[in-house]
Amino acid sequence: MILSDRDIKKAIASKKIVIKPAPDFKTQLGACSIDLKLGNTFRVFEHSRYAYVDPFKKEVREEITKEFKVKSGQPFIIQPGDFVLGATIEYIEVPDDLTGRLEGRSSIGRLGVVIHSTAAHIECGFRGNITLELANMGKMPVALYPGMRICSVSFEQLSTPAEVPYYKKKNAKYAGQKGPDESKINEEKL
């Protein structure tokens, strides 16, 4: 069952779902989702420094991206074919009996920008800022502004609370993330 706007408001009011800063329901709440805003920190790939990405070599992986902060009121220009990591302004906490679904906004998609390549699922028990996998699939550069509504999250009820929600997993690599963290796949065993 997907939560309606009424249920989302109730869950936020009771702190079952935590969103900080508090959303403006007039502009951010849809019939069954809530819009989140783009933060000002991006992780840009340094593709001219390395011939390829080796996900299991940590020292190289950490150097492959560079953090870039956009000044207030300034745009981040995403070039055609480019892929960067961004994050939401909002910190969220999803309870043990709900799961979230991250989607792009149609108005952003119509500009050629997608907000996730594979990470659409927000696990129950997730706590942190959501990392966005931003790609410009169009043929023209697009200006993205920190603070603009960039994505939406809908919530679904689980049949029972999860036995091991994300924050209790031993391998929860992105628990508590505050910005666009680089891939931590190197922490997994082959």
N, C-alpha and C. Protein backbone atom coordinates (compact mmCIF):
# COMPACT_ATOMS: atom_id res chain seq x y z
N MET A 1 0.84 -1.18 0.00
CA MET A 1 0.00 0.00 0.00
C MET A 1 0.88 1.25 0.00
N ILE A 2 0.64 2.15 -0.92
CA ILE A 2 1.38 3.40 -1.01
C ILE A 2 0.68 4.44 -0.15
N LEU A 3 1.46 5.19 0.63
CA LEU A 3 0.88 6.22 1.49
C LEU A 3 0.35 7.38 0.68
N SER A 4 -0.83 7.87 1.06
CA SER A 4 -1.43 9.04 0.43
C SER A 4 -0.84 10.31 1.04
N ASP A 5 -1.21 11.44 0.48
CA ASP A 5 -0.76 12.72 1.03
C ASP A 5 -1.17 12.86 2.49
N ARG A 6 -2.36 12.42 2.83
CA ARG A 6 -2.84 12.49 4.23
C ARG A 6 -1.95 11.66 5.15
N ASP A 7 -1.63 10.44 4.69
CA ASP A 7 -0.80 9.55 5.52
C ASP A 7 0.63 10.05 5.64
N ILE A 8 1.15 10.64 4.57
CA ILE A 8 2.51 11.21 4.63
C ILE A 8 2.55 12.34 5.65
N LYS A 9 1.55 13.23 5.61
CA LYS A 9 1.49 14.34 6.59
C LYS A 9 1.40 13.80 8.02
N LYS A 10 0.55 12.79 8.24
CA LYS A 10 0.42 12.19 9.58
C LYS A 10 1.74 11.57 10.04
N ALA A 11 2.41 10.84 9.14
CA ALA A 11 3.67 10.18 9.49
C ALA A 11 4.76 11.19 9.82
N ILE A 12 4.78 12.32 9.11
CA ILE A 12 5.76 13.37 9.41
C ILE A 12 5.40 14.07 10.71
N ALA A 13 4.11 14.35 10.93
CA ALA A 13 3.68 15.03 12.16
C ALA A 13 3.98 14.18 13.40
N SER A 14 3.84 12.87 13.28
CA SER A 14 4.09 11.98 14.43
C SER A 14 5.57 11.58 14.53
N LYS A 15 6.39 12.05 13.59
CA LYS A 15 7.81 11.75 13.52
C LYS A 15 8.10 10.28 13.19
N LYS A 16 7.12 9.61 12.64
CA LYS A 16 7.35 8.26 12.12
C LYS A 16 8.30 8.35 10.93
N ILE A 17 8.04 9.32 10.04
CA ILE A 17 8.98 9.68 8.97
C ILE A 17 9.59 11.02 9.40
N VAL A 18 10.91 11.09 9.37
CA VAL A 18 11.60 12.33 9.73
C VAL A 18 12.15 12.95 8.45
N ILE A 19 11.85 14.21 8.23
CA ILE A 19 12.42 14.97 7.11
C ILE A 19 12.87 16.32 7.66
N LYS A 20 14.19 16.60 7.56
CA LYS A 20 14.77 17.86 8.04
C LYS A 20 15.56 18.50 6.92
N PRO A 21 15.36 19.77 6.65
CA PRO A 21 14.36 20.66 7.23
C PRO A 21 12.95 20.21 6.84
N ALA A 22 12.00 20.64 7.65
CA ALA A 22 10.60 20.26 7.43
C ALA A 22 10.15 20.71 6.04
N PRO A 23 9.46 19.85 5.31
CA PRO A 23 8.99 20.24 3.98
C PRO A 23 7.84 21.23 4.03
N ASP A 24 7.73 22.02 2.97
CA ASP A 24 6.59 22.92 2.79
C ASP A 24 5.53 22.12 2.04
N PHE A 25 4.49 21.69 2.72
CA PHE A 25 3.48 20.84 2.11
C PHE A 25 2.81 21.50 0.91
N LYS A 26 2.68 22.83 0.92
CA LYS A 26 2.01 23.52 -0.20
C LYS A 26 2.76 23.32 -1.51
N THR A 27 4.09 23.30 -1.46
CA THR A 27 4.86 23.19 -2.70
C THR A 27 5.49 21.81 -2.89
N GLN A 28 5.67 21.04 -1.82
CA GLN A 28 6.41 19.79 -1.93
C GLN A 28 5.56 18.52 -1.86
N LEU A 29 4.34 18.61 -1.33
CA LEU A 29 3.53 17.42 -1.14
C LEU A 29 2.65 17.16 -2.36
N GLY A 30 2.75 15.94 -2.90
CA GLY A 30 1.88 15.51 -3.98
C GLY A 30 0.81 14.59 -3.42
N ALA A 31 0.00 14.01 -4.27
CA ALA A 31 -1.09 13.14 -3.84
C ALA A 31 -0.58 11.88 -3.14
N CYS A 32 0.63 11.41 -3.51
CA CYS A 32 1.17 10.20 -2.88
C CYS A 32 2.69 10.22 -2.83
N SER A 33 3.27 11.42 -2.79
CA SER A 33 4.73 11.55 -2.70
C SER A 33 5.08 12.92 -2.15
N ILE A 34 6.35 13.06 -1.81
CA ILE A 34 6.84 14.36 -1.34
C ILE A 34 8.10 14.70 -2.13
N ASP A 35 8.16 15.93 -2.64
CA ASP A 35 9.33 16.38 -3.40
C ASP A 35 10.46 16.73 -2.44
N LEU A 36 11.68 16.43 -2.87
CA LEU A 36 12.88 16.82 -2.13
C LEU A 36 13.70 17.76 -3.01
N LYS A 37 14.54 18.55 -2.35
CA LYS A 37 15.29 19.60 -3.04
C LYS A 37 16.76 19.23 -3.21
N LEU A 38 17.36 19.80 -4.24
CA LEU A 38 18.76 19.57 -4.56
C LEU A 38 19.67 20.34 -3.62
N GLY A 39 20.67 19.66 -3.08
CA GLY A 39 21.68 20.31 -2.24
C GLY A 39 22.72 21.04 -3.08
N ASN A 40 23.73 21.59 -2.43
CA ASN A 40 24.74 22.37 -3.16
C ASN A 40 26.07 21.65 -3.33
N THR A 41 26.15 20.38 -2.91
CA THR A 41 27.40 19.63 -3.01
C THR A 41 27.27 18.55 -4.07
N PHE A 42 28.29 18.47 -4.93
CA PHE A 42 28.31 17.48 -6.00
C PHE A 42 29.64 16.74 -5.97
N ARG A 43 29.64 15.54 -6.48
CA ARG A 43 30.86 14.76 -6.62
C ARG A 43 31.03 14.52 -8.11
N VAL A 44 32.09 15.11 -8.68
CA VAL A 44 32.34 15.11 -10.12
C VAL A 44 33.48 14.15 -10.43
N PHE A 45 33.31 13.36 -11.47
CA PHE A 45 34.34 12.40 -11.86
C PHE A 45 35.49 13.10 -12.57
N GLU A 46 36.70 12.75 -12.17
CA GLU A 46 37.93 13.28 -12.76
C GLU A 46 38.36 12.35 -13.90
N HIS A 47 37.56 12.30 -14.96
CA HIS A 47 37.77 11.32 -16.02
C HIS A 47 39.03 11.53 -16.84
N SER A 48 39.63 12.70 -16.76
CA SER A 48 40.85 12.94 -17.53
C SER A 48 42.11 12.46 -16.79
N ARG A 49 41.96 12.08 -15.51
CA ARG A 49 43.13 11.64 -14.73
C ARG A 49 43.36 10.13 -14.77
N TYR A 50 42.31 9.35 -15.03
CA TYR A 50 42.42 7.90 -15.01
C TYR A 50 41.79 7.30 -16.25
N ALA A 51 42.35 6.19 -16.71
CA ALA A 51 41.85 5.52 -17.91
C ALA A 51 40.56 4.75 -17.63
N TYR A 52 40.36 4.32 -16.39
CA TYR A 52 39.18 3.55 -16.02
C TYR A 52 38.99 3.59 -14.51
N VAL A 53 37.84 3.14 -14.06
CA VAL A 53 37.54 3.05 -12.63
C VAL A 53 37.68 1.60 -12.21
N ASP A 54 38.49 1.36 -11.19
CA ASP A 54 38.58 0.02 -10.60
C ASP A 54 37.88 0.10 -9.26
N PRO A 55 36.65 -0.43 -9.16
CA PRO A 55 35.87 -0.25 -7.94
C PRO A 55 36.46 -0.90 -6.70
N PHE A 56 37.42 -1.81 -6.88
CA PHE A 56 37.98 -2.50 -5.71
C PHE A 56 39.34 -1.94 -5.29
N LYS A 57 39.79 -0.88 -5.90
CA LYS A 57 41.02 -0.21 -5.46
C LYS A 57 40.63 1.10 -4.81
N LYS A 58 40.55 1.07 -3.48
CA LYS A 58 40.04 2.22 -2.72
C LYS A 58 40.84 3.49 -2.98
N GLU A 59 42.16 3.39 -2.98
CA GLU A 59 42.98 4.60 -3.13
C GLU A 59 42.71 5.30 -4.45
N VAL A 60 42.47 4.57 -5.50
CA VAL A 60 42.17 5.17 -6.79
C VAL A 60 40.72 5.68 -6.79
N ARG A 61 39.80 4.87 -6.26
CA ARG A 61 38.39 5.22 -6.26
C ARG A 61 38.14 6.54 -5.56
N GLU A 62 38.81 6.80 -4.46
CA GLU A 62 38.61 8.05 -3.72
C GLU A 62 39.17 9.25 -4.47
N GLU A 63 40.15 9.03 -5.34
CA GLU A 63 40.72 10.12 -6.11
C GLU A 63 39.97 10.36 -7.42
N ILE A 64 39.17 9.42 -7.84
CA ILE A 64 38.47 9.49 -9.13
C ILE A 64 37.41 10.57 -9.14
N THR A 65 36.89 10.93 -7.96
CA THR A 65 35.90 12.00 -7.88
C THR A 65 36.41 13.14 -7.03
N LYS A 66 35.88 14.31 -7.32
CA LYS A 66 36.26 15.51 -6.57
C LYS A 66 34.97 16.17 -6.09
N GLU A 67 34.96 16.60 -4.83
CA GLU A 67 33.79 17.30 -4.31
C GLU A 67 33.78 18.73 -4.83
N PHE A 68 32.59 19.18 -5.22
CA PHE A 68 32.42 20.52 -5.76
C PHE A 68 31.21 21.14 -5.10
N LYS A 69 31.37 22.32 -4.49
CA LYS A 69 30.26 23.02 -3.83
C LYS A 69 29.87 24.22 -4.66
N VAL A 70 28.56 24.38 -4.84
CA VAL A 70 28.02 25.50 -5.60
C VAL A 70 27.66 26.62 -4.62
N LYS A 71 28.08 27.83 -4.95
CA LYS A 71 27.76 28.99 -4.11
C LYS A 71 26.27 29.31 -4.20
N SER A 72 25.75 29.92 -3.16
CA SER A 72 24.33 30.28 -3.09
C SER A 72 23.91 31.11 -4.30
N GLY A 73 22.81 30.71 -4.91
CA GLY A 73 22.27 31.43 -6.06
C GLY A 73 22.91 31.09 -7.38
N GLN A 74 23.97 30.26 -7.36
CA GLN A 74 24.66 29.89 -8.59
C GLN A 74 24.18 28.52 -9.09
N PRO A 75 24.21 28.28 -10.39
CA PRO A 75 23.80 26.97 -10.92
C PRO A 75 24.98 26.01 -10.98
N PHE A 76 24.66 24.74 -11.02
CA PHE A 76 25.61 23.69 -11.37
C PHE A 76 25.22 23.28 -12.78
N ILE A 77 26.14 23.36 -13.72
CA ILE A 77 25.85 23.03 -15.11
C ILE A 77 26.25 21.58 -15.36
N ILE A 78 25.27 20.76 -15.72
CA ILE A 78 25.55 19.37 -16.05
C ILE A 78 25.58 19.25 -17.57
N GLN A 79 26.73 18.79 -18.06
CA GLN A 79 26.95 18.73 -19.50
C GLN A 79 26.29 17.49 -20.12
N PRO A 80 26.00 17.51 -21.41
CA PRO A 80 25.43 16.34 -22.07
C PRO A 80 26.35 15.12 -21.89
N GLY A 81 25.75 13.99 -21.55
CA GLY A 81 26.52 12.76 -21.36
C GLY A 81 27.24 12.68 -20.04
N ASP A 82 27.16 13.72 -19.22
CA ASP A 82 27.88 13.74 -17.96
C ASP A 82 27.10 12.99 -16.88
N PHE A 83 27.85 12.46 -15.92
CA PHE A 83 27.29 11.76 -14.78
C PHE A 83 27.97 12.31 -13.53
N VAL A 84 27.18 12.79 -12.58
CA VAL A 84 27.71 13.33 -11.33
C VAL A 84 26.84 12.84 -10.18
N LEU A 85 27.38 12.89 -8.99
CA LEU A 85 26.61 12.56 -7.80
C LEU A 85 26.19 13.86 -7.13
N GLY A 86 24.98 13.92 -6.67
CA GLY A 86 24.46 15.05 -5.91
C GLY A 86 23.77 14.49 -4.68
N ALA A 87 23.14 15.35 -3.92
CA ALA A 87 22.41 14.90 -2.73
C ALA A 87 21.24 15.83 -2.47
N THR A 88 20.28 15.33 -1.74
CA THR A 88 19.15 16.16 -1.35
C THR A 88 19.56 17.07 -0.20
N ILE A 89 18.90 18.22 -0.10
CA ILE A 89 19.07 19.09 1.07
C ILE A 89 18.55 18.36 2.30
N GLU A 90 17.45 17.65 2.10
CA GLU A 90 16.74 17.03 3.22
C GLU A 90 17.44 15.76 3.73
N TYR A 91 17.51 15.66 5.03
CA TYR A 91 17.91 14.45 5.74
C TYR A 91 16.60 13.71 6.01
N ILE A 92 16.56 12.40 5.74
CA ILE A 92 15.34 11.67 6.02
C ILE A 92 15.63 10.43 6.87
N GLU A 93 14.62 10.03 7.62
CA GLU A 93 14.65 8.77 8.36
C GLU A 93 13.39 8.01 7.99
N VAL A 94 13.59 6.80 7.45
CA VAL A 94 12.48 5.94 7.05
C VAL A 94 12.32 4.89 8.16
N PRO A 95 11.11 4.70 8.68
CA PRO A 95 10.92 3.75 9.77
C PRO A 95 11.08 2.29 9.31
N ASP A 96 11.10 1.40 10.28
CA ASP A 96 11.34 -0.02 10.01
C ASP A 96 10.20 -0.71 9.27
N ASP A 97 9.03 -0.08 9.20
CA ASP A 97 7.89 -0.72 8.54
C ASP A 97 7.44 -0.02 7.25
N LEU A 98 8.28 0.89 6.74
CA LEU A 98 8.02 1.55 5.46
C LEU A 98 9.25 1.45 4.58
N THR A 99 9.04 1.51 3.29
CA THR A 99 10.14 1.60 2.34
C THR A 99 9.85 2.79 1.44
N GLY A 100 10.88 3.38 0.89
CA GLY A 100 10.70 4.55 0.03
C GLY A 100 11.05 4.24 -1.41
N ARG A 101 10.46 4.99 -2.32
CA ARG A 101 10.73 4.87 -3.75
C ARG A 101 11.09 6.25 -4.27
N LEU A 102 12.30 6.38 -4.78
CA LEU A 102 12.82 7.64 -5.30
C LEU A 102 12.51 7.74 -6.79
N GLU A 103 11.95 8.84 -7.21
CA GLU A 103 11.65 9.06 -8.62
C GLU A 103 12.07 10.47 -9.03
N GLY A 104 12.38 10.61 -10.30
CA GLY A 104 12.68 11.93 -10.83
C GLY A 104 11.39 12.69 -11.06
N ARG A 105 11.49 13.99 -11.13
CA ARG A 105 10.33 14.81 -11.47
C ARG A 105 10.23 14.90 -12.99
N SER A 106 9.02 14.85 -13.49
CA SER A 106 8.78 14.92 -14.93
C SER A 106 9.37 16.19 -15.53
N SER A 107 9.25 17.31 -14.83
CA SER A 107 9.77 18.58 -15.35
C SER A 107 11.28 18.56 -15.52
N ILE A 108 11.98 17.81 -14.68
CA ILE A 108 13.43 17.68 -14.79
C ILE A 108 13.76 16.68 -15.90
N GLY A 109 13.02 15.58 -15.94
CA GLY A 109 13.23 14.57 -16.98
C GLY A 109 13.03 15.13 -18.38
N ARG A 110 12.11 16.06 -18.53
CA ARG A 110 11.84 16.66 -19.84
C ARG A 110 12.98 17.55 -20.32
N LEU A 111 13.91 17.84 -19.41
CA LEU A 111 15.13 18.58 -19.79
C LEU A 111 16.25 17.63 -20.16
N GLY A 112 16.01 16.32 -19.98
CA GLY A 112 17.02 15.31 -20.30
C GLY A 112 17.80 14.81 -19.09
N VAL A 113 17.43 15.29 -17.90
CA VAL A 113 18.19 14.92 -16.69
C VAL A 113 17.46 13.83 -15.92
N VAL A 114 18.18 12.75 -15.64
CA VAL A 114 17.65 11.68 -14.79
C VAL A 114 18.33 11.78 -13.43
N ILE A 115 17.63 11.38 -12.38
CA ILE A 115 18.18 11.58 -11.03
C ILE A 115 18.67 10.30 -10.37
N HIS A 116 18.42 9.15 -10.99
CA HIS A 116 19.04 7.92 -10.49
C HIS A 116 19.24 6.95 -11.63
N SER A 117 20.34 6.20 -11.54
CA SER A 117 20.58 5.20 -12.58
C SER A 117 20.10 3.83 -12.10
N THR A 118 20.28 3.52 -10.82
CA THR A 118 19.81 2.25 -10.29
C THR A 118 19.25 2.37 -8.87
N ALA A 119 19.59 3.40 -8.15
CA ALA A 119 19.26 3.48 -6.73
C ALA A 119 17.93 4.16 -6.47
N ALA A 120 16.84 3.50 -6.88
CA ALA A 120 15.51 4.07 -6.68
C ALA A 120 14.88 3.62 -5.37
N HIS A 121 15.42 2.59 -4.78
CA HIS A 121 14.85 2.01 -3.56
C HIS A 121 15.51 2.62 -2.33
N ILE A 122 14.69 3.12 -1.40
CA ILE A 122 15.20 3.63 -0.12
C ILE A 122 14.77 2.63 0.94
N GLU A 123 15.74 1.90 1.45
CA GLU A 123 15.43 0.81 2.38
C GLU A 123 14.79 1.30 3.66
N CYS A 124 13.94 0.44 4.22
CA CYS A 124 13.40 0.75 5.55
C CYS A 124 14.59 0.88 6.50
N GLY A 125 14.49 1.85 7.40
CA GLY A 125 15.58 2.08 8.34
C GLY A 125 16.69 2.97 7.80
N PHE A 126 16.56 3.48 6.56
CA PHE A 126 17.58 4.39 6.03
C PHE A 126 17.51 5.70 6.80
N ARG A 127 18.68 6.24 7.09
CA ARG A 127 18.80 7.54 7.77
C ARG A 127 19.94 8.30 7.12
N GLY A 128 19.63 9.45 6.53
CA GLY A 128 20.68 10.25 5.90
C GLY A 128 20.11 11.10 4.78
N ASN A 129 21.00 11.81 4.09
CA ASN A 129 20.64 12.55 2.90
C ASN A 129 20.71 11.58 1.72
N ILE A 130 19.81 11.71 0.79
CA ILE A 130 19.75 10.79 -0.33
C ILE A 130 20.75 11.22 -1.40
N THR A 131 21.62 10.30 -1.81
CA THR A 131 22.53 10.57 -2.91
C THR A 131 21.78 10.39 -4.22
N LEU A 132 21.98 11.33 -5.12
CA LEU A 132 21.35 11.32 -6.44
C LEU A 132 22.39 10.98 -7.49
N GLU A 133 22.06 10.08 -8.40
CA GLU A 133 22.94 9.71 -9.50
C GLU A 133 22.46 10.49 -10.73
N LEU A 134 22.96 11.70 -10.89
CA LEU A 134 22.48 12.63 -11.90
C LEU A 134 23.17 12.42 -13.24
N ALA A 135 22.39 12.30 -14.30
CA ALA A 135 22.95 12.16 -15.64
C ALA A 135 22.16 13.03 -16.61
N ASN A 136 22.89 13.67 -17.50
CA ASN A 136 22.26 14.47 -18.55
C ASN A 136 22.22 13.62 -19.82
N MET A 137 21.04 13.15 -20.14
CA MET A 137 20.86 12.29 -21.31
C MET A 137 20.55 13.10 -22.57
N GLY A 138 20.41 14.40 -22.40
CA GLY A 138 20.07 15.26 -23.53
C GLY A 138 21.29 15.71 -24.31
N LYS A 139 21.07 16.63 -25.24
CA LYS A 139 22.16 17.13 -26.09
C LYS A 139 22.60 18.54 -25.72
N MET A 140 21.93 19.13 -24.70
CA MET A 140 22.28 20.49 -24.29
C MET A 140 22.64 20.50 -22.81
N PRO A 141 23.57 21.36 -22.39
CA PRO A 141 23.86 21.51 -20.97
C PRO A 141 22.61 21.99 -20.24
N VAL A 142 22.47 21.59 -18.97
CA VAL A 142 21.32 21.97 -18.16
C VAL A 142 21.81 22.58 -16.85
N ALA A 143 21.24 23.72 -16.48
CA ALA A 143 21.57 24.37 -15.21
C ALA A 143 20.68 23.79 -14.11
N LEU A 144 21.32 23.27 -13.07
CA LEU A 144 20.60 22.78 -11.89
C LEU A 144 20.92 23.71 -10.73
N TYR A 145 19.90 24.14 -10.02
CA TYR A 145 20.08 25.09 -8.93
C TYR A 145 19.86 24.44 -7.58
N PRO A 146 20.81 24.58 -6.66
CA PRO A 146 20.57 24.11 -5.29
C PRO A 146 19.28 24.74 -4.76
N GLY A 147 18.47 23.91 -4.12
CA GLY A 147 17.19 24.38 -3.58
C GLY A 147 16.01 24.09 -4.49
N MET A 148 16.27 23.72 -5.75
CA MET A 148 15.16 23.40 -6.64
C MET A 148 14.62 22.00 -6.31
N ARG A 149 13.32 21.81 -6.51
CA ARG A 149 12.74 20.49 -6.31
C ARG A 149 13.27 19.58 -7.42
N ILE A 150 13.95 18.50 -7.04
CA ILE A 150 14.67 17.67 -8.00
C ILE A 150 14.10 16.26 -8.13
N CYS A 151 13.48 15.75 -7.05
CA CYS A 151 13.00 14.37 -7.05
C CYS A 151 11.80 14.25 -6.12
N SER A 152 11.17 13.09 -6.14
CA SER A 152 10.08 12.83 -5.20
C SER A 152 10.28 11.47 -4.57
N VAL A 153 9.73 11.32 -3.38
CA VAL A 153 9.79 10.04 -2.66
C VAL A 153 8.36 9.65 -2.31
N SER A 154 8.02 8.41 -2.61
CA SER A 154 6.76 7.84 -2.15
C SER A 154 7.11 6.76 -1.13
N PHE A 155 6.15 6.43 -0.28
CA PHE A 155 6.39 5.47 0.79
C PHE A 155 5.38 4.33 0.69
N GLU A 156 5.87 3.12 0.91
CA GLU A 156 5.02 1.93 0.89
C GLU A 156 5.10 1.22 2.23
N GLN A 157 3.97 0.71 2.67
CA GLN A 157 3.87 -0.01 3.94
C GLN A 157 4.37 -1.44 3.75
N LEU A 158 5.24 -1.91 4.65
CA LEU A 158 5.68 -3.31 4.64
C LEU A 158 4.64 -4.15 5.37
N SER A 159 4.59 -5.43 5.10
CA SER A 159 3.63 -6.31 5.76
C SER A 159 3.91 -6.40 7.26
N THR A 160 5.16 -6.35 7.65
CA THR A 160 5.59 -6.29 9.06
C THR A 160 6.87 -5.46 9.11
N PRO A 161 7.24 -4.93 10.27
CA PRO A 161 8.51 -4.22 10.36
C PRO A 161 9.67 -5.15 9.99
N ALA A 162 10.68 -4.60 9.34
CA ALA A 162 11.84 -5.39 8.94
C ALA A 162 12.58 -5.93 10.16
N GLU A 163 13.05 -7.14 10.07
CA GLU A 163 13.84 -7.74 11.15
C GLU A 163 15.19 -7.04 11.28
N VAL A 164 15.78 -6.71 10.12
CA VAL A 164 17.08 -6.02 10.12
C VAL A 164 16.96 -4.81 9.20
N PRO A 165 16.48 -3.68 9.73
CA PRO A 165 16.42 -2.46 8.90
C PRO A 165 17.82 -1.96 8.58
N TYR A 166 17.91 -1.05 7.64
CA TYR A 166 19.22 -0.61 7.12
C TYR A 166 20.19 -0.17 8.21
N TYR A 167 19.74 0.61 9.16
CA TYR A 167 20.66 1.13 10.18
C TYR A 167 21.21 0.04 11.10
N LYS A 168 20.62 -1.16 11.07
CA LYS A 168 21.11 -2.27 11.89
C LYS A 168 22.00 -3.24 11.10
N LYS A 169 22.11 -3.05 9.79
CA LYS A 169 22.94 -3.94 8.97
C LYS A 169 24.42 -3.69 9.25
N LYS A 170 25.17 -4.75 9.33
CA LYS A 170 26.62 -4.62 9.54
C LYS A 170 27.31 -3.99 8.34
N ASN A 171 26.75 -4.22 7.15
CA ASN A 171 27.37 -3.69 5.93
C ASN A 171 26.62 -2.49 5.35
N ALA A 172 26.00 -1.70 6.20
CA ALA A 172 25.26 -0.51 5.75
C ALA A 172 26.25 0.61 5.43
N LYS A 173 26.81 0.57 4.24
CA LYS A 173 27.90 1.46 3.85
C LYS A 173 27.53 2.93 3.81
N TYR A 174 26.26 3.23 3.59
CA TYR A 174 25.85 4.63 3.41
C TYR A 174 24.96 5.15 4.53
N ALA A 175 24.91 4.41 5.63
CA ALA A 175 24.09 4.85 6.77
C ALA A 175 24.61 6.19 7.30
N GLY A 176 23.71 7.13 7.47
CA GLY A 176 24.07 8.44 8.02
C GLY A 176 24.77 9.37 7.06
N GLN A 177 24.80 9.05 5.78
CA GLN A 177 25.52 9.91 4.83
C GLN A 177 24.93 11.31 4.83
N LYS A 178 25.80 12.31 4.69
CA LYS A 178 25.37 13.70 4.73
C LYS A 178 25.45 14.37 3.36
N GLY A 179 26.18 13.79 2.46
CA GLY A 179 26.34 14.36 1.13
C GLY A 179 26.49 13.26 0.12
N PRO A 180 26.90 13.60 -1.10
CA PRO A 180 27.05 12.58 -2.13
C PRO A 180 28.33 11.78 -1.92
N ASP A 181 28.23 10.68 -1.20
CA ASP A 181 29.39 9.81 -0.98
C ASP A 181 29.74 9.06 -2.26
N GLU A 182 31.04 8.86 -2.47
CA GLU A 182 31.47 8.06 -3.61
C GLU A 182 31.12 6.59 -3.35
N SER A 183 31.20 5.78 -4.37
CA SER A 183 30.90 4.35 -4.25
C SER A 183 31.82 3.71 -3.21
N LYS A 184 31.24 2.85 -2.40
CA LYS A 184 32.01 2.10 -1.40
C LYS A 184 31.95 0.61 -1.68
N ILE A 185 31.87 0.27 -2.96
CA ILE A 185 31.78 -1.12 -3.35
C ILE A 185 33.03 -1.90 -2.94
N ASN A 186 34.16 -1.20 -2.79
CA ASN A 186 35.39 -1.88 -2.38
C ASN A 186 35.27 -2.52 -0.99
N GLU A 187 34.28 -2.13 -0.20
CA GLU A 187 34.08 -2.73 1.12
C GLU A 187 33.42 -4.11 1.03
N GLU A 188 32.94 -4.46 -0.16
CA GLU A 188 32.32 -5.77 -0.34
C GLU A 188 33.39 -6.79 -0.68
N LYS A 189 33.15 -8.02 -0.31
CA LYS A 189 34.08 -9.11 -0.60
C LYS A 189 33.74 -9.73 -1.96
N LEU A 190 34.79 -10.11 -2.68
CA LEU A 190 34.58 -10.80 -3.96
C LEU A 190 34.23 -12.25 -3.73
